[in-house]
Amino acid sequence: MIIGIMSDSHDNLEAVSKALEVFRRNGVEAIIHLGDIISPFTLLRILEYPGRIAIVLGNNDGEQITLKELAVKAGAILKKDMHQMEIGRRKILLMHGFGDADQTKTVAEALALSGKYDVVLYGHTHRAEARYMGKTLVLNPGEVCGCLTNRKSVAILNTETFEYNIVEF
């Protein structure tokens, strides 16, 4: 399965639309959003995408009750903190992040080193990066909004081949 991974949209609807277009062009079948969508109107744009959608909330997400209601109505998964799921026979852990960038990276790496997951996905730091820790892929798609790094990016992961790509747009 081809998964599109995004994080830190921060209500930049133009960037969200461009990210979704990247997903369409690459045949993405499911989307994972790693938090900081911010407002319901941004979530509604994401929910327009056909296919499976899973979301973990971030530290800046407001109106969480409305976000949850919209997600449930659309058949999407929305979790408050971390969420473990299986896609294409891969155990995947989703999280936004905690504290500062170093703390978030430390937590993601510790979870990867546990050996329980094939993939650990995180956001919060706004910095795209990917690396293997043992057999586990640790991946941050960067930021959709481009507000901190001036780079807008998403990641695409093929769960069959385990190939990934960070795409700037």
N, C-alpha and C. Protein backbone atom coordinates (compact mmCIF):
# COMPACT_ATOMS: atom_id res chain seq x y z
N MET A 1 0.84 -1.18 0.00
CA MET A 1 0.00 0.00 0.00
C MET A 1 0.89 1.25 0.00
N ILE A 2 0.46 2.27 -0.71
CA ILE A 2 1.17 3.54 -0.76
C ILE A 2 0.52 4.49 0.24
N ILE A 3 1.32 4.96 1.19
CA ILE A 3 0.83 5.84 2.25
C ILE A 3 1.43 7.23 2.07
N GLY A 4 0.59 8.26 2.19
CA GLY A 4 1.04 9.64 2.21
C GLY A 4 1.10 10.11 3.65
N ILE A 5 2.23 10.67 4.04
CA ILE A 5 2.43 11.09 5.43
C ILE A 5 2.66 12.59 5.46
N MET A 6 1.88 13.27 6.31
CA MET A 6 2.00 14.72 6.41
C MET A 6 1.93 15.13 7.88
N SER A 7 2.42 16.34 8.15
CA SER A 7 2.39 16.85 9.51
C SER A 7 2.44 18.37 9.49
N ASP A 8 2.03 18.95 10.57
CA ASP A 8 2.19 20.39 10.80
C ASP A 8 1.66 21.24 9.64
N SER A 9 0.35 21.10 9.39
CA SER A 9 -0.31 21.88 8.34
C SER A 9 -0.53 23.33 8.77
N HIS A 10 -0.82 23.52 10.03
CA HIS A 10 -1.03 24.85 10.62
C HIS A 10 -1.95 25.75 9.78
N ASP A 11 -3.06 25.16 9.34
CA ASP A 11 -4.12 25.89 8.63
C ASP A 11 -3.68 26.53 7.31
N ASN A 12 -2.60 26.07 6.71
CA ASN A 12 -2.18 26.59 5.41
C ASN A 12 -2.91 25.78 4.33
N LEU A 13 -4.11 26.24 3.99
CA LEU A 13 -4.95 25.49 3.04
C LEU A 13 -4.32 25.35 1.67
N GLU A 14 -3.63 26.36 1.21
CA GLU A 14 -2.98 26.28 -0.09
C GLU A 14 -1.93 25.16 -0.08
N ALA A 15 -1.14 25.09 0.98
CA ALA A 15 -0.13 24.05 1.09
C ALA A 15 -0.77 22.67 1.26
N VAL A 16 -1.86 22.58 2.01
CA VAL A 16 -2.56 21.30 2.17
C VAL A 16 -3.05 20.82 0.81
N SER A 17 -3.62 21.70 0.01
CA SER A 17 -4.09 21.32 -1.33
C SER A 17 -2.94 20.83 -2.19
N LYS A 18 -1.80 21.48 -2.11
CA LYS A 18 -0.63 21.05 -2.88
C LYS A 18 -0.13 19.69 -2.39
N ALA A 19 -0.14 19.49 -1.09
CA ALA A 19 0.28 18.19 -0.53
C ALA A 19 -0.64 17.08 -1.02
N LEU A 20 -1.94 17.34 -1.01
CA LEU A 20 -2.90 16.33 -1.49
C LEU A 20 -2.71 16.05 -2.97
N GLU A 21 -2.32 17.05 -3.73
CA GLU A 21 -2.04 16.85 -5.16
C GLU A 21 -0.80 15.96 -5.33
N VAL A 22 0.22 16.16 -4.51
CA VAL A 22 1.40 15.28 -4.53
C VAL A 22 0.95 13.84 -4.26
N PHE A 23 0.06 13.66 -3.30
CA PHE A 23 -0.43 12.32 -2.98
C PHE A 23 -1.19 11.72 -4.17
N ARG A 24 -2.04 12.51 -4.81
CA ARG A 24 -2.79 12.01 -5.97
C ARG A 24 -1.85 11.57 -7.09
N ARG A 25 -0.85 12.39 -7.38
CA ARG A 25 0.10 12.07 -8.46
C ARG A 25 0.90 10.81 -8.16
N ASN A 26 1.07 10.49 -6.89
CA ASN A 26 1.88 9.33 -6.50
C ASN A 26 1.04 8.11 -6.12
N GLY A 27 -0.25 8.16 -6.38
CA GLY A 27 -1.11 7.00 -6.14
C GLY A 27 -1.29 6.63 -4.68
N VAL A 28 -1.26 7.63 -3.80
CA VAL A 28 -1.43 7.38 -2.37
C VAL A 28 -2.83 6.83 -2.09
N GLU A 29 -2.86 5.73 -1.33
CA GLU A 29 -4.12 5.06 -1.00
C GLU A 29 -4.62 5.38 0.40
N ALA A 30 -3.72 5.84 1.27
CA ALA A 30 -4.08 6.17 2.64
C ALA A 30 -3.21 7.35 3.09
N ILE A 31 -3.79 8.20 3.94
CA ILE A 31 -3.07 9.36 4.46
C ILE A 31 -2.94 9.23 5.97
N ILE A 32 -1.76 9.57 6.44
CA ILE A 32 -1.51 9.70 7.87
C ILE A 32 -1.12 11.15 8.11
N HIS A 33 -1.81 11.80 9.04
CA HIS A 33 -1.46 13.17 9.44
C HIS A 33 -0.98 13.11 10.88
N LEU A 34 0.21 13.67 11.12
CA LEU A 34 0.87 13.55 12.42
C LEU A 34 0.69 14.77 13.31
N GLY A 35 -0.39 15.50 13.14
CA GLY A 35 -0.75 16.54 14.09
C GLY A 35 -0.46 17.96 13.65
N ASP A 36 -1.08 18.86 14.40
CA ASP A 36 -1.09 20.30 14.14
C ASP A 36 -1.77 20.64 12.82
N ILE A 37 -2.95 20.05 12.66
CA ILE A 37 -3.86 20.43 11.58
C ILE A 37 -4.34 21.85 11.89
N ILE A 38 -4.75 22.07 13.08
CA ILE A 38 -5.20 23.27 13.77
C ILE A 38 -6.73 23.37 13.77
N SER A 39 -7.37 23.72 12.66
CA SER A 39 -8.81 24.03 12.67
C SER A 39 -9.63 23.03 11.86
N PRO A 40 -10.92 22.94 12.19
CA PRO A 40 -11.80 22.04 11.45
C PRO A 40 -11.82 22.28 9.94
N PHE A 41 -11.72 23.54 9.47
CA PHE A 41 -11.79 23.77 8.03
C PHE A 41 -10.60 23.13 7.31
N THR A 42 -9.47 23.03 7.97
CA THR A 42 -8.31 22.35 7.36
C THR A 42 -8.53 20.85 7.34
N LEU A 43 -9.07 20.31 8.41
CA LEU A 43 -9.37 18.88 8.44
C LEU A 43 -10.38 18.52 7.35
N LEU A 44 -11.37 19.36 7.13
CA LEU A 44 -12.35 19.09 6.08
C LEU A 44 -11.68 18.97 4.71
N ARG A 45 -10.69 19.79 4.44
CA ARG A 45 -9.97 19.71 3.17
C ARG A 45 -9.25 18.36 3.06
N ILE A 46 -8.61 17.93 4.14
CA ILE A 46 -7.89 16.65 4.13
C ILE A 46 -8.87 15.49 3.96
N LEU A 47 -10.02 15.59 4.61
CA LEU A 47 -11.02 14.51 4.54
C LEU A 47 -11.65 14.36 3.16
N GLU A 48 -11.45 15.33 2.28
CA GLU A 48 -11.95 15.22 0.90
C GLU A 48 -11.17 14.14 0.13
N TYR A 49 -9.98 13.81 0.59
CA TYR A 49 -9.15 12.85 -0.12
C TYR A 49 -9.78 11.46 0.00
N PRO A 50 -9.90 10.74 -1.13
CA PRO A 50 -10.48 9.40 -1.05
C PRO A 50 -9.47 8.43 -0.41
N GLY A 51 -9.97 7.52 0.34
CA GLY A 51 -9.08 6.52 0.96
C GLY A 51 -9.09 6.64 2.47
N ARG A 52 -8.31 5.79 3.05
CA ARG A 52 -8.20 5.68 4.50
C ARG A 52 -7.40 6.86 5.05
N ILE A 53 -7.86 7.42 6.18
CA ILE A 53 -7.16 8.55 6.80
C ILE A 53 -7.03 8.29 8.29
N ALA A 54 -5.81 8.47 8.81
CA ALA A 54 -5.54 8.34 10.24
C ALA A 54 -4.81 9.59 10.70
N ILE A 55 -5.19 10.08 11.87
CA ILE A 55 -4.66 11.34 12.39
C ILE A 55 -4.35 11.19 13.87
N VAL A 56 -3.22 11.75 14.27
CA VAL A 56 -2.97 11.98 15.70
C VAL A 56 -2.93 13.49 15.89
N LEU A 57 -3.52 13.94 16.98
CA LEU A 57 -3.55 15.37 17.25
C LEU A 57 -2.19 15.86 17.74
N GLY A 58 -1.92 17.13 17.47
CA GLY A 58 -0.69 17.76 17.90
C GLY A 58 -0.94 18.76 19.02
N ASN A 59 0.11 19.38 19.49
CA ASN A 59 0.02 20.31 20.61
C ASN A 59 -0.70 21.61 20.27
N ASN A 60 -0.87 21.93 18.99
CA ASN A 60 -1.54 23.16 18.60
C ASN A 60 -2.95 22.96 18.05
N ASP A 61 -3.43 21.74 18.04
CA ASP A 61 -4.75 21.48 17.48
C ASP A 61 -5.83 22.02 18.41
N GLY A 62 -6.66 22.90 17.88
CA GLY A 62 -7.77 23.47 18.64
C GLY A 62 -9.05 22.75 18.29
N GLU A 63 -10.09 23.09 18.98
CA GLU A 63 -11.43 22.54 18.72
C GLU A 63 -11.39 21.02 18.56
N GLN A 64 -10.74 20.35 19.49
CA GLN A 64 -10.52 18.91 19.36
C GLN A 64 -11.80 18.11 19.31
N ILE A 65 -12.84 18.56 19.99
CA ILE A 65 -14.12 17.84 19.95
C ILE A 65 -14.69 17.88 18.53
N THR A 66 -14.65 19.06 17.90
CA THR A 66 -15.15 19.19 16.53
C THR A 66 -14.29 18.39 15.57
N LEU A 67 -12.97 18.43 15.74
CA LEU A 67 -12.08 17.64 14.88
C LEU A 67 -12.44 16.16 14.98
N LYS A 68 -12.65 15.68 16.19
CA LYS A 68 -12.99 14.27 16.40
C LYS A 68 -14.33 13.94 15.74
N GLU A 69 -15.32 14.81 15.92
CA GLU A 69 -16.64 14.56 15.33
C GLU A 69 -16.56 14.49 13.81
N LEU A 70 -15.82 15.42 13.20
CA LEU A 70 -15.67 15.42 11.74
C LEU A 70 -14.97 14.16 11.25
N ALA A 71 -13.92 13.76 11.96
CA ALA A 71 -13.17 12.56 11.57
C ALA A 71 -14.05 11.32 11.65
N VAL A 72 -14.78 11.16 12.76
CA VAL A 72 -15.64 10.00 12.95
C VAL A 72 -16.71 9.97 11.86
N LYS A 73 -17.32 11.12 11.58
CA LYS A 73 -18.35 11.19 10.54
C LYS A 73 -17.81 10.77 9.18
N ALA A 74 -16.56 11.08 8.91
CA ALA A 74 -15.94 10.75 7.62
C ALA A 74 -15.34 9.34 7.60
N GLY A 75 -15.37 8.64 8.74
CA GLY A 75 -14.81 7.29 8.80
C GLY A 75 -13.30 7.28 9.00
N ALA A 76 -12.73 8.40 9.40
CA ALA A 76 -11.29 8.49 9.64
C ALA A 76 -10.99 8.14 11.10
N ILE A 77 -9.74 7.77 11.34
CA ILE A 77 -9.26 7.52 12.69
C ILE A 77 -8.64 8.80 13.21
N LEU A 78 -9.01 9.24 14.41
CA LEU A 78 -8.38 10.40 15.03
C LEU A 78 -8.10 10.05 16.48
N LYS A 79 -6.83 10.12 16.86
CA LYS A 79 -6.41 9.80 18.23
C LYS A 79 -5.74 11.01 18.85
N LYS A 80 -5.81 11.09 20.15
CA LYS A 80 -5.29 12.26 20.86
C LYS A 80 -3.77 12.28 20.94
N ASP A 81 -3.14 11.19 21.26
CA ASP A 81 -1.69 11.19 21.46
C ASP A 81 -1.01 10.29 20.44
N MET A 82 -0.63 9.12 20.87
CA MET A 82 -0.01 8.15 19.97
C MET A 82 -1.06 7.16 19.49
N HIS A 83 -0.74 6.54 18.37
CA HIS A 83 -1.64 5.52 17.84
C HIS A 83 -0.82 4.47 17.12
N GLN A 84 -1.09 3.22 17.44
CA GLN A 84 -0.44 2.10 16.77
C GLN A 84 -1.43 1.50 15.80
N MET A 85 -0.96 1.23 14.58
CA MET A 85 -1.84 0.62 13.59
C MET A 85 -1.04 -0.31 12.70
N GLU A 86 -1.76 -1.12 11.95
CA GLU A 86 -1.11 -2.01 11.00
C GLU A 86 -1.63 -1.66 9.61
N ILE A 87 -0.70 -1.40 8.70
CA ILE A 87 -1.05 -1.13 7.30
C ILE A 87 -0.12 -1.97 6.44
N GLY A 88 -0.70 -2.74 5.56
CA GLY A 88 0.10 -3.56 4.66
C GLY A 88 1.09 -4.45 5.40
N ARG A 89 0.64 -5.08 6.47
CA ARG A 89 1.45 -5.99 7.30
C ARG A 89 2.61 -5.29 8.01
N ARG A 90 2.58 -3.98 8.09
CA ARG A 90 3.61 -3.21 8.80
C ARG A 90 3.01 -2.63 10.06
N LYS A 91 3.70 -2.82 11.18
CA LYS A 91 3.29 -2.19 12.43
C LYS A 91 3.85 -0.78 12.45
N ILE A 92 2.94 0.17 12.55
CA ILE A 92 3.31 1.58 12.45
C ILE A 92 2.85 2.32 13.70
N LEU A 93 3.75 3.11 14.27
CA LEU A 93 3.41 3.95 15.40
C LEU A 93 3.35 5.39 14.92
N LEU A 94 2.26 6.07 15.23
CA LEU A 94 2.06 7.47 14.88
C LEU A 94 2.14 8.31 16.14
N MET A 95 2.87 9.41 16.07
CA MET A 95 2.87 10.36 17.19
C MET A 95 3.18 11.75 16.64
N HIS A 96 2.75 12.75 17.37
CA HIS A 96 3.10 14.12 16.98
C HIS A 96 4.47 14.44 17.57
N GLY A 97 4.53 14.62 18.87
CA GLY A 97 5.80 14.92 19.52
C GLY A 97 5.56 15.48 20.90
N PHE A 98 6.66 15.64 21.63
CA PHE A 98 6.59 16.07 23.02
C PHE A 98 7.71 17.06 23.30
N GLY A 99 7.40 18.13 24.00
CA GLY A 99 8.44 19.07 24.40
C GLY A 99 9.13 19.70 23.20
N ASP A 100 10.43 19.79 23.28
CA ASP A 100 11.18 20.40 22.17
C ASP A 100 11.58 19.34 21.14
N ALA A 101 12.27 19.78 20.09
CA ALA A 101 12.64 18.89 18.99
C ALA A 101 13.53 17.74 19.47
N ASP A 102 14.48 18.03 20.35
CA ASP A 102 15.37 16.98 20.84
C ASP A 102 14.62 15.92 21.63
N GLN A 103 13.67 16.36 22.46
CA GLN A 103 12.89 15.40 23.24
C GLN A 103 12.05 14.52 22.32
N THR A 104 11.44 15.13 21.33
CA THR A 104 10.61 14.37 20.39
C THR A 104 11.45 13.32 19.66
N LYS A 105 12.61 13.74 19.19
CA LYS A 105 13.49 12.81 18.46
C LYS A 105 13.94 11.67 19.37
N THR A 106 14.25 11.99 20.63
CA THR A 106 14.67 10.97 21.59
C THR A 106 13.58 9.94 21.83
N VAL A 107 12.34 10.41 21.98
CA VAL A 107 11.21 9.49 22.20
C VAL A 107 11.01 8.61 20.97
N ALA A 108 11.04 9.21 19.77
CA ALA A 108 10.86 8.44 18.53
C ALA A 108 11.94 7.37 18.40
N GLU A 109 13.17 7.74 18.69
CA GLU A 109 14.28 6.78 18.58
C GLU A 109 14.16 5.67 19.60
N ALA A 110 13.75 5.99 20.82
CA ALA A 110 13.57 4.96 21.86
C ALA A 110 12.47 3.98 21.44
N LEU A 111 11.40 4.49 20.89
CA LEU A 111 10.32 3.61 20.42
C LEU A 111 10.80 2.73 19.28
N ALA A 112 11.61 3.28 18.39
CA ALA A 112 12.17 2.49 17.29
C ALA A 112 13.07 1.38 17.82
N LEU A 113 13.90 1.71 18.78
CA LEU A 113 14.84 0.74 19.33
C LEU A 113 14.16 -0.36 20.14
N SER A 114 12.89 -0.15 20.49
CA SER A 114 12.14 -1.19 21.22
C SER A 114 11.95 -2.44 20.35
N GLY A 115 12.02 -2.26 19.03
CA GLY A 115 11.85 -3.38 18.11
C GLY A 115 10.41 -3.79 17.89
N LYS A 116 9.46 -3.06 18.47
CA LYS A 116 8.04 -3.40 18.36
C LYS A 116 7.40 -2.94 17.06
N TYR A 117 8.06 -2.01 16.36
CA TYR A 117 7.44 -1.39 15.20
C TYR A 117 8.32 -1.51 13.97
N ASP A 118 7.67 -1.57 12.82
CA ASP A 118 8.39 -1.50 11.56
C ASP A 118 8.68 -0.05 11.20
N VAL A 119 7.75 0.84 11.60
CA VAL A 119 7.87 2.26 11.28
C VAL A 119 7.44 3.08 12.49
N VAL A 120 8.22 4.11 12.82
CA VAL A 120 7.83 5.11 13.81
C VAL A 120 7.76 6.44 13.06
N LEU A 121 6.55 7.02 13.05
CA LEU A 121 6.32 8.29 12.37
C LEU A 121 6.10 9.38 13.41
N TYR A 122 6.73 10.52 13.20
CA TYR A 122 6.52 11.64 14.11
C TYR A 122 6.57 12.96 13.36
N GLY A 123 6.02 14.00 13.99
CA GLY A 123 6.02 15.35 13.45
C GLY A 123 6.63 16.29 14.46
N HIS A 124 5.99 17.44 14.67
CA HIS A 124 6.30 18.40 15.72
C HIS A 124 7.57 19.22 15.50
N THR A 125 8.63 18.64 14.97
CA THR A 125 9.90 19.34 14.83
C THR A 125 9.95 20.20 13.57
N HIS A 126 9.05 19.96 12.64
CA HIS A 126 8.97 20.65 11.34
C HIS A 126 10.17 20.34 10.45
N ARG A 127 10.98 19.37 10.79
CA ARG A 127 12.18 19.03 10.02
C ARG A 127 12.04 17.63 9.43
N ALA A 128 12.11 17.54 8.11
CA ALA A 128 12.00 16.25 7.43
C ALA A 128 13.29 15.46 7.65
N GLU A 129 13.11 14.20 8.01
CA GLU A 129 14.26 13.30 8.13
C GLU A 129 13.77 11.87 8.17
N ALA A 130 14.64 10.98 7.76
CA ALA A 130 14.33 9.55 7.77
C ALA A 130 15.62 8.78 7.98
N ARG A 131 15.54 7.74 8.78
CA ARG A 131 16.71 6.90 9.02
C ARG A 131 16.20 5.56 9.59
N TYR A 132 17.04 4.56 9.43
CA TYR A 132 16.74 3.26 10.03
C TYR A 132 17.47 3.15 11.35
N MET A 133 16.77 2.62 12.33
CA MET A 133 17.36 2.29 13.61
C MET A 133 17.08 0.80 13.79
N GLY A 134 18.10 0.00 13.55
CA GLY A 134 17.88 -1.44 13.49
C GLY A 134 17.01 -1.72 12.28
N LYS A 135 15.94 -2.45 12.48
CA LYS A 135 15.02 -2.78 11.38
C LYS A 135 13.89 -1.76 11.24
N THR A 136 13.86 -0.77 12.11
CA THR A 136 12.75 0.18 12.15
C THR A 136 13.06 1.47 11.40
N LEU A 137 12.16 1.87 10.53
CA LEU A 137 12.25 3.14 9.85
C LEU A 137 11.67 4.22 10.76
N VAL A 138 12.45 5.26 11.01
CA VAL A 138 12.00 6.42 11.78
C VAL A 138 11.88 7.56 10.78
N LEU A 139 10.67 8.12 10.66
CA LEU A 139 10.43 9.10 9.60
C LEU A 139 9.62 10.28 10.10
N ASN A 140 10.09 11.47 9.75
CA ASN A 140 9.37 12.71 9.99
C ASN A 140 9.19 13.36 8.61
N PRO A 141 7.96 13.60 8.18
CA PRO A 141 7.75 14.16 6.84
C PRO A 141 8.06 15.64 6.71
N GLY A 142 8.41 16.29 7.82
CA GLY A 142 8.64 17.73 7.79
C GLY A 142 7.31 18.46 7.95
N GLU A 143 7.25 19.67 7.44
CA GLU A 143 6.06 20.49 7.63
C GLU A 143 5.37 20.77 6.31
N VAL A 144 4.04 20.67 6.33
CA VAL A 144 3.25 21.04 5.17
C VAL A 144 3.21 22.56 5.04
N CYS A 145 3.11 23.26 6.17
CA CYS A 145 2.90 24.71 6.16
C CYS A 145 4.09 25.51 5.67
N GLY A 146 5.29 25.03 5.85
CA GLY A 146 6.48 25.77 5.45
C GLY A 146 6.79 26.97 6.33
N CYS A 147 6.13 27.06 7.47
CA CYS A 147 6.25 28.27 8.28
C CYS A 147 7.53 28.35 9.12
N LEU A 148 8.13 27.25 9.45
CA LEU A 148 9.34 27.29 10.28
C LEU A 148 10.62 27.12 9.47
N THR A 149 10.59 26.23 8.49
CA THR A 149 11.80 25.93 7.73
C THR A 149 11.81 26.56 6.34
N ASN A 150 10.68 27.11 5.95
CA ASN A 150 10.51 27.63 4.58
C ASN A 150 10.51 26.51 3.55
N ARG A 151 10.32 25.27 4.00
CA ARG A 151 10.24 24.11 3.11
C ARG A 151 8.94 23.39 3.39
N LYS A 152 8.21 23.13 2.34
CA LYS A 152 6.96 22.38 2.46
C LYS A 152 7.24 20.96 1.98
N SER A 153 6.90 19.98 2.81
CA SER A 153 7.20 18.61 2.42
C SER A 153 6.21 17.61 3.01
N VAL A 154 6.15 16.47 2.35
CA VAL A 154 5.39 15.31 2.80
C VAL A 154 6.27 14.09 2.53
N ALA A 155 5.84 12.94 3.02
CA ALA A 155 6.56 11.70 2.74
C ALA A 155 5.60 10.70 2.11
N ILE A 156 6.15 9.83 1.30
CA ILE A 156 5.39 8.74 0.69
C ILE A 156 6.11 7.45 1.04
N LEU A 157 5.37 6.49 1.54
CA LEU A 157 5.93 5.20 1.96
C LEU A 157 5.17 4.07 1.28
N ASN A 158 5.91 3.17 0.66
CA ASN A 158 5.35 1.96 0.08
C ASN A 158 5.53 0.85 1.11
N THR A 159 4.43 0.35 1.67
CA THR A 159 4.55 -0.66 2.72
C THR A 159 4.97 -2.02 2.19
N GLU A 160 4.84 -2.25 0.89
CA GLU A 160 5.27 -3.53 0.30
C GLU A 160 6.78 -3.56 0.11
N THR A 161 7.32 -2.54 -0.52
CA THR A 161 8.76 -2.50 -0.83
C THR A 161 9.57 -1.85 0.28
N PHE A 162 8.90 -1.12 1.17
CA PHE A 162 9.51 -0.38 2.28
C PHE A 162 10.36 0.78 1.77
N GLU A 163 10.09 1.21 0.54
CA GLU A 163 10.77 2.38 -0.01
C GLU A 163 10.00 3.63 0.42
N TYR A 164 10.72 4.70 0.67
CA TYR A 164 10.09 5.96 1.06
C TYR A 164 10.76 7.10 0.30
N ASN A 165 10.02 8.21 0.26
CA ASN A 165 10.53 9.39 -0.41
C ASN A 165 9.97 10.61 0.33
N ILE A 166 10.82 11.57 0.62
CA ILE A 166 10.37 12.85 1.15
C ILE A 166 10.28 13.80 -0.03
N VAL A 167 9.10 14.37 -0.24
CA VAL A 167 8.82 15.18 -1.41
C VAL A 167 8.61 16.64 -0.98
N GLU A 168 9.42 17.53 -1.51
CA GLU A 168 9.20 18.96 -1.30
C GLU A 168 8.33 19.48 -2.42
N PHE A 169 7.48 20.43 -2.11
CA PHE A 169 6.59 21.00 -3.12
C PHE A 169 6.52 22.51 -2.98
